Amino acid sequence: MQVINVAAKSKLAVLGGTALMAAASIFAVKPAHAEVEIAGNVGVVSGYVFRGITNTPENDGAAVQAGFDLTSTESGWYSGWWASNLSYGTPDLSTTVENNFYAGYSGESGGLSYDFGALYYWYMDDSGASVMEPYLGLSFGGLDFGMKYMAEDATWSNQGDMFFTFGTSFDLGEGFGLGVTASYATYEDKGKFIPATAESGAFRSLDITLSKGIAELPAEFFTTYIIGGKDRNGTDQEDKLVVGFSYSF
């Protein structure tokens, strides 16, 4: 999370975690009463950009990112953890790692896939930045919609701020894939840490991701071109190219 001038992450955002969550190879653990799938991922990106904020990214250099997911295949409930190193923080380095803990429920009905839950951003020595964010995801006919709601004031967001994504993806063949995601944010004017906000809402970014699977491995290279929009203060964000590698297990 980038203290205002904005930031922080999520499993549903491109780069902010989505690119590294793709192409998971899952193995199953079967207790007597249920089946639980455990999936992990690890990767590196040339820069960590959260929600289109390219002028002040979470990490302007290489970032190592990793996570785990536990899913009950019988019930649809899941939980997980994702983390990334950051390029800023306190002298004792505590806030140079962002931790995301999340839990939710996913399912499908009549061709509509749904996913809802809550994400907690945790920074070990920064209670003002640590915050809860409920989310909702819907997919139908190859189109994906996401919505997040800030549940409380934080140093980088006001309670009531919302973030929306709309995207789709294409299989290009020969191991290539293309993903396109547009995002828009709405802002509450005042909060505990942010005294005033210039914009009530703004286009945040258009992320275009080209990926390439690596032979038969559960791994891929990807590159994302981010077309920048505006932050909550109305500042234009620069376009940025990010490249990365991810491995799932």
Protein backbone atom coordinates (compact mmCIF):
# COMPACT_ATOMS: atom_id res chain seq x y z
CA MET A 1 0.00 0.00 0.00
CA GLN A 2 1.36 3.42 -0.94
CA VAL A 3 0.48 6.05 1.62
CA ILE A 4 -1.71 8.55 -0.09
CA ASN A 5 -1.21 9.25 -3.20
CA VAL A 6 -2.85 5.81 -2.84
CA ALA A 7 -2.26 2.05 -2.99
CA ALA A 8 -2.53 -1.60 -1.59
CA LYS A 9 -3.57 -4.86 -3.35
CA SER A 10 -5.84 -7.77 -4.14
CA LYS A 11 -6.19 -11.02 -5.64
CA LEU A 12 -8.61 -9.69 -8.30
CA ALA A 13 -6.44 -6.92 -9.73
CA VAL A 14 -4.12 -7.44 -12.66
CA LEU A 15 -0.51 -7.24 -11.47
CA GLY A 16 -1.73 -6.36 -8.01
CA GLY A 17 -1.88 -10.08 -7.71
CA THR A 18 -4.03 -11.48 -10.53
CA ALA A 19 -1.14 -12.14 -12.91
CA LEU A 20 0.65 -14.17 -10.25
CA MET A 21 -2.47 -16.13 -9.29
CA ALA A 22 -3.00 -17.42 -12.84
CA ALA A 23 -2.37 -20.97 -14.07
CA ALA A 24 -2.38 -22.75 -10.68
CA SER A 25 -1.46 -26.40 -10.53
CA ILE A 26 -3.41 -27.82 -7.59
CA PHE A 27 -2.94 -30.93 -5.51
CA ALA A 28 -5.56 -32.37 -3.17
CA VAL A 29 -5.45 -33.29 0.49
CA LYS A 30 -8.34 -35.49 1.60
CA PRO A 31 -9.24 -35.56 5.28
CA ALA A 32 -11.90 -38.05 6.28
CA HIS A 33 -14.67 -35.44 6.27
CA ALA A 34 -13.81 -33.17 3.32
CA GLU A 35 -11.61 -32.51 0.33
CA VAL A 36 -9.31 -29.53 0.52
CA GLU A 37 -7.25 -28.23 -2.38
CA ILE A 38 -4.02 -26.41 -1.63
CA ALA A 39 -2.42 -24.19 -4.26
CA GLY A 40 0.66 -22.02 -4.08
CA ASN A 41 2.37 -19.48 -6.31
CA VAL A 42 5.60 -17.55 -6.37
CA GLY A 43 6.93 -15.04 -8.87
CA VAL A 44 8.82 -11.86 -9.56
CA VAL A 45 7.75 -8.66 -11.35
CA SER A 46 9.78 -5.73 -12.59
CA GLY A 47 7.55 -3.35 -10.64
CA TYR A 48 4.60 -3.63 -8.27
CA VAL A 49 1.78 -1.34 -9.43
CA PHE A 50 -1.48 -1.32 -7.46
CA ARG A 51 -4.71 -0.22 -9.13
CA GLY A 52 -3.09 1.89 -11.81
CA ILE A 53 -1.06 4.14 -9.51
CA THR A 54 2.11 4.23 -11.62
CA ASN A 55 3.52 7.59 -10.47
CA THR A 56 4.06 6.26 -6.93
CA PRO A 57 4.09 2.46 -7.30
CA GLU A 58 4.31 0.04 -4.41
CA ASN A 59 7.68 -1.04 -5.73
CA ASP A 60 9.49 0.74 -8.54
CA GLY A 61 12.05 -2.08 -8.77
CA ALA A 62 11.84 -5.85 -8.79
CA ALA A 63 9.33 -7.33 -6.36
CA VAL A 64 9.06 -10.93 -5.16
CA GLN A 65 5.49 -12.07 -4.56
CA ALA A 66 4.01 -15.32 -3.25
CA GLY A 67 0.82 -16.79 -1.87
CA PHE A 68 -1.18 -19.85 -0.83
CA ASP A 69 -4.85 -20.80 -1.19
CA LEU A 70 -6.88 -23.44 0.65
CA THR A 71 -10.22 -24.35 -0.94
CA SER A 72 -12.94 -26.73 0.19
CA THR A 73 -14.12 -28.30 -3.07
CA GLU A 74 -17.29 -29.63 -1.40
CA SER A 75 -18.49 -26.36 0.13
CA GLY A 76 -16.92 -23.61 -2.00
CA TRP A 77 -15.31 -21.82 0.94
CA TYR A 78 -11.69 -20.75 0.63
CA SER A 79 -9.00 -18.77 2.41
CA GLY A 80 -5.54 -17.59 1.51
CA TRP A 81 -2.52 -15.36 1.97
CA TRP A 82 -0.53 -13.27 -0.50
CA ALA A 83 2.50 -11.04 0.09
CA SER A 84 4.92 -8.75 -1.72
CA ASN A 85 7.98 -6.79 -0.75
CA LEU A 86 7.64 -3.00 -1.10
CA SER A 87 10.14 -0.26 -1.88
CA TYR A 88 9.27 1.92 1.10
CA GLY A 89 8.75 1.52 4.83
CA THR A 90 10.04 2.40 8.27
CA PRO A 91 13.74 2.16 9.19
CA ASP A 92 13.23 -1.22 10.89
CA LEU A 93 11.90 -2.57 7.54
CA SER A 94 8.65 -3.85 9.07
CA THR A 95 6.38 -2.21 6.51
CA THR A 96 8.46 -3.20 3.51
CA VAL A 97 6.33 -6.35 3.25
CA GLU A 98 2.62 -6.24 2.52
CA ASN A 99 0.50 -9.16 3.70
CA ASN A 100 -2.99 -9.86 2.35
CA PHE A 101 -5.18 -12.34 4.22
CA TYR A 102 -8.52 -13.22 2.65
CA ALA A 103 -11.44 -15.62 2.91
CA GLY A 104 -14.60 -16.08 0.91
CA TYR A 105 -17.04 -18.26 -0.95
CA SER A 106 -17.24 -19.03 -4.68
CA GLY A 107 -19.65 -20.99 -6.82
CA GLU A 108 -21.56 -21.14 -10.11
CA SER A 109 -25.23 -21.07 -11.08
CA GLY A 110 -26.75 -20.99 -14.55
CA GLY A 111 -23.49 -20.00 -16.19
CA LEU A 112 -22.84 -17.21 -13.68
CA SER A 113 -19.75 -17.62 -11.52
CA TYR A 114 -19.60 -15.64 -8.28
CA ASP A 115 -17.01 -14.97 -5.62
CA PHE A 116 -17.44 -12.89 -2.47
CA GLY A 117 -15.40 -12.41 0.66
CA ALA A 118 -13.16 -10.01 2.54
CA LEU A 119 -9.49 -9.09 2.34
CA TYR A 120 -7.35 -7.75 5.18
CA TYR A 121 -4.25 -5.72 4.36
CA TRP A 122 -1.75 -6.14 7.21
CA TYR A 123 1.41 -4.13 7.82
CA MET A 124 3.12 -5.29 10.99
CA ASP A 125 3.89 -1.93 12.59
CA ASP A 126 1.39 0.34 10.83
CA SER A 127 -2.13 0.04 12.22
CA GLY A 128 -3.22 3.09 10.22
CA ALA A 129 -2.49 1.32 6.94
CA SER A 130 -3.91 -2.08 7.92
CA VAL A 131 -7.55 -2.31 6.85
CA MET A 132 -10.43 -4.61 5.85
CA GLU A 133 -11.94 -4.60 2.36
CA PRO A 134 -14.96 -6.77 1.35
CA TYR A 135 -15.16 -7.75 -2.32
CA LEU A 136 -17.44 -9.28 -4.93
CA GLY A 137 -16.57 -10.91 -8.24
CA LEU A 138 -18.91 -12.04 -11.04
CA SER A 139 -18.14 -13.82 -14.33
CA PHE A 140 -20.52 -14.60 -17.19
CA GLY A 141 -19.96 -15.34 -20.87
CA GLY A 142 -16.24 -14.66 -20.66
CA LEU A 143 -16.69 -11.25 -18.99
CA ASP A 144 -15.45 -10.54 -15.46
CA PHE A 145 -16.72 -7.88 -13.05
CA GLY A 146 -15.17 -6.99 -9.69
CA MET A 147 -16.12 -4.61 -6.88
CA LYS A 148 -14.34 -3.73 -3.64
CA TYR A 149 -15.53 -1.59 -0.75
CA MET A 150 -13.26 0.06 1.83
CA ALA A 151 -14.75 -0.80 5.22
CA GLU A 152 -12.81 1.73 7.32
CA ASP A 153 -10.49 4.70 7.08
CA ALA A 154 -6.84 4.02 6.33
CA THR A 155 -3.83 6.18 5.54
CA TRP A 156 -4.29 5.36 1.86
CA SER A 157 -8.09 5.24 1.50
CA ASN A 158 -11.32 6.53 3.06
CA GLN A 159 -14.16 4.41 4.35
CA GLY A 160 -16.68 4.10 1.54
CA ASP A 161 -14.15 4.25 -1.32
CA MET A 162 -15.02 1.71 -4.01
CA PHE A 163 -12.98 0.11 -6.78
CA PHE A 164 -14.51 -1.52 -9.87
CA THR A 165 -12.96 -3.72 -12.57
CA PHE A 166 -14.33 -5.03 -15.85
CA GLY A 167 -12.33 -7.37 -18.05
CA THR A 168 -12.03 -10.39 -20.26
CA SER A 169 -9.35 -12.82 -21.49
CA PHE A 170 -8.56 -14.71 -24.67
CA ASP A 171 -6.71 -17.93 -25.46
CA LEU A 172 -4.48 -17.06 -28.42
CA GLY A 173 -3.16 -20.60 -28.90
CA GLU A 174 0.41 -21.92 -28.74
CA GLY A 175 0.44 -21.18 -25.01
CA PHE A 176 -0.27 -17.47 -25.40
CA GLY A 177 -3.04 -15.64 -23.55
CA LEU A 178 -4.32 -12.07 -23.58
CA GLY A 179 -6.13 -10.31 -20.74
CA VAL A 180 -7.70 -6.84 -20.77
CA THR A 181 -9.00 -5.14 -17.60
CA ALA A 182 -10.38 -1.62 -17.13
CA SER A 183 -10.77 -0.11 -13.66
CA TYR A 184 -12.67 2.80 -12.13
CA ALA A 185 -12.70 4.15 -8.56
CA THR A 186 -15.12 6.26 -6.54
CA TYR A 187 -13.98 8.27 -3.52
CA GLU A 188 -15.39 9.54 -0.26
CA ASP A 189 -14.32 13.14 0.26
CA LYS A 190 -13.03 13.07 3.85
CA GLY A 191 -11.70 10.51 6.27
CA LYS A 192 -9.64 10.09 9.41
CA PHE A 193 -6.32 10.29 7.55
CA ILE A 194 -7.28 11.99 4.27
CA PRO A 195 -8.76 15.45 4.93
CA ALA A 196 -10.01 16.15 1.39
CA THR A 197 -10.31 14.48 -2.00
CA ALA A 198 -10.38 16.35 -5.31
CA GLU A 199 -12.16 13.66 -7.34
CA SER A 200 -15.49 11.93 -6.60
CA GLY A 201 -14.59 9.24 -9.13
CA ALA A 202 -12.08 8.58 -11.90
CA PHE A 203 -10.89 6.07 -14.48
CA ARG A 204 -7.88 4.36 -12.90
CA SER A 205 -6.25 2.28 -15.62
CA LEU A 206 -6.50 -0.05 -18.58
CA ASP A 207 -4.26 -3.10 -18.10
CA ILE A 208 -3.34 -5.21 -21.14
CA THR A 209 -1.52 -8.45 -20.26
CA LEU A 210 0.11 -10.87 -22.68
CA SER A 211 1.18 -14.18 -21.15
CA LYS A 212 3.08 -17.23 -22.43
CA GLY A 213 3.06 -20.63 -20.77
CA ILE A 214 6.39 -22.43 -20.43
CA ALA A 215 6.26 -25.88 -22.06
CA GLU A 216 4.43 -28.31 -19.76
CA LEU A 217 5.40 -26.47 -16.59
CA PRO A 218 2.83 -24.70 -14.35
CA ALA A 219 4.66 -21.45 -15.07
CA GLU A 220 4.43 -18.46 -17.37
CA PHE A 221 6.09 -15.26 -18.47
CA PHE A 222 3.90 -12.19 -18.82
CA THR A 223 4.04 -8.53 -19.68
CA THR A 224 1.44 -5.93 -18.74
CA TYR A 225 1.10 -2.52 -20.33
CA ILE A 226 -0.70 -0.15 -17.97
CA ILE A 227 -2.49 2.84 -19.51
CA GLY A 228 -2.73 5.23 -16.59
CA GLY A 229 -5.80 7.19 -15.53
CA LYS A 230 -6.10 9.54 -12.53
CA ASP A 231 -5.66 9.18 -8.77
CA ARG A 232 -8.04 10.59 -6.15
CA ASN A 233 -6.37 13.98 -6.40
CA GLY A 234 -6.92 14.21 -10.15
CA THR A 235 -3.25 13.60 -10.97
CA ASP A 236 -2.66 11.92 -14.33
CA GLN A 237 -0.81 8.62 -14.01
CA GLU A 238 1.93 7.70 -16.46
CA ASP A 239 1.72 4.66 -18.72
CA LYS A 240 4.00 1.85 -17.56
CA LEU A 241 5.23 -1.54 -18.79
CA VAL A 242 5.70 -4.35 -16.26
CA VAL A 243 7.15 -7.79 -16.99
CA GLY A 244 7.19 -10.83 -14.77
CA PHE A 245 7.42 -14.57 -14.22
CA SER A 246 5.19 -16.82 -12.10
CA TYR A 247 5.32 -20.45 -11.01
CA SER A 248 2.38 -22.28 -9.47
CA PHE A 249 2.38 -25.47 -7.43
